[in-house]
Amino acid sequence: MSLSLSRRHVLGLTLGLAAATSLPAALRAQTTLKPIKVGLVAGPQTPILEIVKANAAREGLSIQIVEFSDFIQPNEALAAGDIDANSFQHAPYLEQQIKDRGYKFSVAGQTLLAPFGIYSKKHKSMADLPAGGRIAIPNDPSNGGRALLLLQHLGVIKLKPGTGAQPSVLTDIADNPRKIRFVELPAAQLPRALEDVDAAIINTIFAIPAGLQPGRDSIALEDRTSPYVNIIAVRTAEKDRPEFAKLMAAYRSPEVKKYIEEKFKGAVIPAW
């Protein structure tokens, strides 16, 4: 009798172990992954993060979305420990915030790009821009520098080495073989300047309200190689948490990519 009981006991342990190892991955993950809070600025990113949230839930990661009303609060909340990650900024903005405020943040991964586009009512391609043509760009250092970096990427100009993310028209153009003349204007005024210049480099947030679709109307557009791709930021001390690997996998998914491409039609593009 004791031998029989012993055998049944061993059999029960074996079956129990087998059942445990055959549990769905999402169910097993629930015992190890901690819920996380992800901050963003209310707007187009909100429905994207809702899809990410649903994806993550299927893999055992619970995400709470925390919305903010400006571009300062998400980093303050991350530094204070009120949220675990944020998804609202591109890398140059993060780098400047770290420099200015001393944040100890790292990049968990890239997400999407709201591309700068070059628009023209006079020319159908960049090749058509005449020597000595006038290109309007934003007059603030951040967006103006971004415009110059795009022109360098397209081979129109060459910047001095080491100029960083905010090159200047006055000091940082090393070569301008087509003698392009730059017209610096407030970013919001650039769509209205199209009649007066050969081309204008316009941020998506100002192009769309002016009736310009980046994927349809631009003669050149930033691509996934842009340094201005948006990122997910986390505290450096926690950058290796398994939750963040799950978060990035849930973000960089076919469902999210399809939504971005169908919803935004080139105004926002996936960075993967």
Protein backbone atom coordinates (compact mmCIF):
# COMPACT_ATOMS: atom_id res chain seq x y z
CA MET A 1 0.00 0.00 0.00
CA SER A 2 2.77 2.45 0.89
CA LEU A 3 4.53 1.73 -2.43
CA SER A 4 1.32 2.38 -4.33
CA LEU A 5 0.78 5.68 -2.52
CA SER A 6 4.35 6.66 -3.21
CA ARG A 7 3.93 6.00 -6.89
CA ARG A 8 0.74 8.02 -7.00
CA HIS A 9 2.50 10.85 -5.18
CA VAL A 10 5.36 10.88 -7.67
CA LEU A 11 2.92 10.73 -10.58
CA GLY A 12 0.98 13.66 -9.16
CA LEU A 13 4.14 15.76 -8.81
CA THR A 14 5.18 14.93 -12.36
CA LEU A 15 1.80 15.90 -13.80
CA GLY A 16 1.77 19.09 -11.74
CA LEU A 17 5.15 20.15 -13.08
CA ALA A 18 4.11 19.36 -16.61
CA ALA A 19 0.95 21.42 -16.24
CA ALA A 20 2.91 24.36 -14.88
CA THR A 21 5.35 24.37 -17.77
CA SER A 22 2.52 24.12 -20.30
CA LEU A 23 0.71 27.23 -19.04
CA PRO A 24 0.30 29.98 -21.65
CA ALA A 25 3.24 32.37 -21.71
CA ALA A 26 1.00 35.33 -20.87
CA LEU A 27 -0.30 33.58 -17.74
CA ARG A 28 3.21 32.69 -16.53
CA ALA A 29 4.38 36.27 -17.23
CA GLN A 30 1.68 37.65 -14.95
CA THR A 31 3.58 36.26 -11.98
CA THR A 32 6.76 38.19 -12.84
CA LEU A 33 5.82 41.36 -14.74
CA LYS A 34 4.81 44.39 -12.72
CA PRO A 35 2.12 46.83 -13.96
CA ILE A 36 3.60 50.01 -15.44
CA LYS A 37 2.37 53.55 -15.99
CA VAL A 38 3.21 55.18 -19.33
CA GLY A 39 2.86 58.95 -19.70
CA LEU A 40 2.05 60.82 -22.89
CA VAL A 41 0.74 64.17 -24.08
CA ALA A 42 -2.95 63.84 -24.93
CA GLY A 43 -3.46 63.72 -28.69
CA PRO A 44 -2.65 61.38 -31.58
CA GLN A 45 -0.46 59.15 -29.41
CA THR A 46 -3.36 58.22 -27.14
CA PRO A 47 -5.14 55.78 -29.52
CA ILE A 48 -1.77 54.30 -30.49
CA LEU A 49 -0.97 53.57 -26.85
CA GLU A 50 -4.40 51.99 -26.43
CA ILE A 51 -3.45 49.41 -29.06
CA VAL A 52 -0.08 48.93 -27.37
CA LYS A 53 -1.90 48.43 -24.07
CA ALA A 54 -4.11 45.70 -25.55
CA ASN A 55 -1.10 43.98 -27.13
CA ALA A 56 0.81 44.05 -23.85
CA ALA A 57 -2.14 42.68 -21.88
CA ARG A 58 -2.13 39.55 -24.05
CA GLU A 59 1.50 39.04 -23.03
CA GLY A 60 0.84 39.50 -19.34
CA LEU A 61 1.87 43.15 -18.99
CA SER A 62 -0.62 45.62 -17.54
CA ILE A 63 -0.22 49.23 -18.75
CA GLN A 64 -1.92 52.30 -17.34
CA ILE A 65 -1.90 55.30 -19.68
CA VAL A 66 -1.38 58.65 -17.96
CA GLU A 67 -2.18 61.74 -20.04
CA PHE A 68 -0.54 65.15 -19.60
CA SER A 69 -1.44 68.51 -21.10
CA ASP A 70 2.03 69.87 -21.92
CA PHE A 71 5.54 68.75 -22.88
CA ILE A 72 7.15 69.46 -19.49
CA GLN A 73 5.06 67.32 -17.15
CA PRO A 74 5.81 63.84 -18.58
CA ASN A 75 9.54 64.12 -17.85
CA GLU A 76 8.93 65.66 -14.44
CA ALA A 77 6.58 62.81 -13.59
CA LEU A 78 9.09 60.22 -14.79
CA ALA A 79 11.86 61.75 -12.70
CA ALA A 80 9.57 61.85 -9.64
CA GLY A 81 8.65 58.18 -10.02
CA ASP A 82 4.97 58.92 -10.69
CA ILE A 83 5.16 57.03 -13.99
CA ASP A 84 7.49 54.29 -15.23
CA ALA A 85 8.00 55.47 -18.82
CA ASN A 86 6.85 58.17 -21.20
CA SER A 87 6.16 58.28 -24.92
CA PHE A 88 5.93 61.81 -26.32
CA GLN A 89 9.36 63.20 -27.28
CA HIS A 90 12.10 62.78 -29.85
CA ALA A 91 15.71 62.09 -28.93
CA PRO A 92 17.11 65.64 -29.39
CA TYR A 93 14.40 67.03 -27.10
CA LEU A 94 15.21 64.36 -24.51
CA GLU A 95 18.92 65.11 -24.76
CA GLN A 96 18.28 68.82 -24.19
CA GLN A 97 16.03 68.06 -21.21
CA ILE A 98 18.75 65.87 -19.71
CA LYS A 99 21.29 68.64 -20.23
CA ASP A 100 19.04 71.37 -18.81
CA ARG A 101 17.47 69.48 -15.91
CA GLY A 102 19.91 66.72 -15.06
CA TYR A 103 17.47 63.87 -15.63
CA LYS A 104 18.85 60.32 -15.41
CA PHE A 105 16.91 58.91 -18.34
CA SER A 106 17.62 56.32 -21.03
CA VAL A 107 15.91 55.36 -24.28
CA ALA A 108 13.96 52.10 -24.16
CA GLY A 109 13.34 52.17 -27.91
CA GLN A 110 12.15 54.14 -30.94
CA THR A 111 8.48 54.46 -31.84
CA LEU A 112 7.31 56.81 -34.58
CA LEU A 113 8.20 59.90 -36.59
CA ALA A 114 6.10 62.97 -37.35
CA PRO A 115 8.21 63.99 -40.35
CA PHE A 116 9.24 67.42 -41.53
CA GLY A 117 8.28 67.82 -45.18
CA ILE A 118 9.56 70.07 -47.93
CA TYR A 119 6.68 71.61 -49.85
CA SER A 120 6.56 73.72 -53.00
CA LYS A 121 3.89 75.30 -55.16
CA LYS A 122 6.41 76.05 -57.91
CA HIS A 123 8.43 72.85 -58.28
CA LYS A 124 7.57 69.16 -58.45
CA SER A 125 10.83 67.75 -57.06
CA MET A 126 13.96 68.75 -55.19
CA ALA A 127 15.88 68.47 -58.46
CA ASP A 128 13.75 71.28 -59.89
CA LEU A 129 14.80 73.79 -57.25
CA PRO A 130 16.84 76.45 -59.07
CA ALA A 131 20.31 77.65 -58.16
CA GLY A 132 19.87 80.62 -55.88
CA GLY A 133 16.36 79.45 -54.94
CA ARG A 134 14.71 80.55 -51.72
CA ILE A 135 13.82 77.98 -49.07
CA ALA A 136 11.84 79.03 -46.01
CA ILE A 137 12.68 77.31 -42.73
CA PRO A 138 11.58 77.77 -39.10
CA ASN A 139 13.36 80.59 -37.29
CA ASP A 140 13.67 78.87 -33.90
CA PRO A 141 16.94 77.03 -33.19
CA SER A 142 15.43 73.57 -32.68
CA ASN A 143 13.19 73.39 -35.74
CA GLY A 144 15.50 75.50 -37.91
CA GLY A 145 18.37 73.14 -37.11
CA ARG A 146 16.16 70.17 -37.92
CA ALA A 147 15.37 71.69 -41.33
CA LEU A 148 19.07 72.16 -42.08
CA LEU A 149 19.81 68.56 -41.07
CA LEU A 150 17.13 67.39 -43.50
CA LEU A 151 18.69 69.41 -46.31
CA GLN A 152 22.08 67.92 -45.50
CA HIS A 153 20.55 64.42 -45.56
CA LEU A 154 19.19 65.20 -49.03
CA GLY A 155 22.58 66.45 -50.23
CA VAL A 156 21.49 70.06 -50.75
CA ILE A 157 23.96 71.52 -48.25
CA LYS A 158 26.82 70.33 -46.09
CA LEU A 159 27.12 71.30 -42.44
CA LYS A 160 30.28 71.74 -40.42
CA PRO A 161 31.29 68.64 -38.44
CA GLY A 162 30.10 68.53 -34.86
CA THR A 163 27.29 71.05 -35.21
CA GLY A 164 24.89 68.84 -33.25
CA ALA A 165 21.09 69.01 -33.39
CA GLN A 166 20.78 72.80 -33.73
CA PRO A 167 22.94 74.01 -36.62
CA SER A 168 22.55 77.63 -37.66
CA VAL A 169 22.24 79.23 -41.09
CA LEU A 170 24.68 81.96 -40.01
CA THR A 171 27.50 79.83 -38.64
CA ASP A 172 27.21 76.14 -39.54
CA ILE A 173 26.79 75.73 -43.31
CA ALA A 174 30.11 74.50 -44.71
CA ASP A 175 29.01 74.07 -48.32
CA ASN A 176 26.02 75.38 -50.27
CA PRO A 177 26.75 74.45 -53.89
CA ARG A 178 23.34 75.51 -55.21
CA LYS A 179 23.56 78.88 -53.44
CA ILE A 180 20.26 78.32 -51.69
CA ARG A 181 18.99 81.43 -49.92
CA PHE A 182 17.28 80.82 -46.59
CA VAL A 183 14.22 82.70 -45.37
CA GLU A 184 13.72 82.20 -41.64
CA LEU A 185 10.13 82.59 -40.42
CA PRO A 186 8.03 81.52 -37.43
CA ALA A 187 7.10 77.87 -37.97
CA ALA A 188 3.36 78.54 -37.96
CA GLN A 189 3.72 81.06 -40.84
CA LEU A 190 5.55 78.72 -43.22
CA PRO A 191 2.47 77.32 -45.03
CA ARG A 192 1.40 80.88 -45.91
CA ALA A 193 4.87 81.62 -47.31
CA LEU A 194 4.68 78.95 -50.02
CA GLU A 195 3.53 81.45 -52.66
CA ASP A 196 6.58 83.62 -52.08
CA VAL A 197 9.43 81.08 -51.96
CA ASP A 198 10.64 78.14 -53.99
CA ALA A 199 10.01 75.74 -51.12
CA ALA A 200 9.32 75.65 -47.40
CA ILE A 201 10.23 73.08 -44.76
CA ILE A 202 7.17 72.62 -42.59
CA ASN A 203 6.51 70.68 -39.41
CA THR A 204 3.62 68.22 -39.68
CA ILE A 205 1.71 69.96 -36.89
CA PHE A 206 1.48 73.06 -39.09
CA ALA A 207 1.23 71.30 -42.46
CA ILE A 208 -1.94 69.33 -41.67
CA PRO A 209 -4.08 72.33 -40.58
CA ALA A 210 -2.99 74.09 -43.79
CA GLY A 211 -4.36 71.24 -45.89
CA LEU A 212 -0.97 69.70 -46.70
CA GLN A 213 -0.63 65.93 -46.49
CA PRO A 214 3.04 64.99 -45.98
CA GLY A 215 2.79 61.68 -47.83
CA ARG A 216 0.94 63.27 -50.76
CA ASP A 217 2.06 66.87 -51.11
CA SER A 218 5.70 67.02 -50.06
CA ILE A 219 8.55 66.96 -52.56
CA ALA A 220 10.81 65.46 -49.88
CA LEU A 221 10.18 63.99 -46.46
CA GLU A 222 12.14 62.92 -43.40
CA ASP A 223 12.48 59.16 -43.15
CA ARG A 224 13.17 56.60 -40.42
CA THR A 225 16.86 57.57 -40.35
CA SER A 226 15.95 60.99 -38.92
CA PRO A 227 17.41 61.71 -35.46
CA TYR A 228 13.99 63.16 -34.62
CA VAL A 229 12.26 59.80 -34.30
CA ASN A 230 10.15 59.67 -31.15
CA ILE A 231 11.29 57.43 -28.32
CA ILE A 232 10.12 55.84 -25.10
CA ALA A 233 12.11 57.16 -22.14
CA VAL A 234 12.66 55.38 -18.82
CA ARG A 235 14.75 56.01 -15.73
CA THR A 236 18.30 54.84 -16.38
CA ALA A 237 18.46 52.84 -13.16
CA GLU A 238 15.52 50.75 -14.38
CA LYS A 239 16.25 50.53 -18.11
CA ASP A 240 16.77 46.74 -18.03
CA ARG A 241 13.40 45.91 -16.48
CA PRO A 242 11.69 43.11 -18.44
CA GLU A 243 8.51 45.19 -18.57
CA PHE A 244 10.15 47.63 -20.97
CA ALA A 245 11.18 44.90 -23.41
CA LYS A 246 7.54 43.76 -23.40
CA LEU A 247 6.38 47.35 -23.85
CA MET A 248 8.57 47.84 -26.92
CA ALA A 249 7.49 44.52 -28.42
CA ALA A 250 3.85 45.52 -27.93
CA TYR A 251 4.50 48.89 -29.57
CA ARG A 252 6.53 47.66 -32.54
CA SER A 253 3.80 45.28 -33.65
CA PRO A 254 1.95 44.72 -36.96
CA GLU A 255 -1.27 46.05 -35.40
CA VAL A 256 0.29 49.35 -34.37
CA LYS A 257 2.09 49.74 -37.69
CA LYS A 258 -1.11 49.14 -39.65
CA TYR A 259 -3.04 51.65 -37.54
CA ILE A 260 -0.41 54.37 -37.96
CA GLU A 261 -0.14 53.89 -41.72
CA GLU A 262 -3.92 53.81 -42.29
CA LYS A 263 -4.84 56.55 -39.84
CA PHE A 264 -2.16 59.14 -40.51
CA LYS A 265 -1.40 58.56 -44.22
CA GLY A 266 2.21 59.70 -43.97
CA ALA A 267 1.70 62.45 -41.39
CA VAL A 268 3.11 59.99 -38.85
CA ILE A 269 5.23 57.00 -39.86
CA PRO A 270 6.37 53.92 -37.89
CA ALA A 271 10.06 53.96 -37.01
CA TRP A 272 10.53 50.21 -37.50
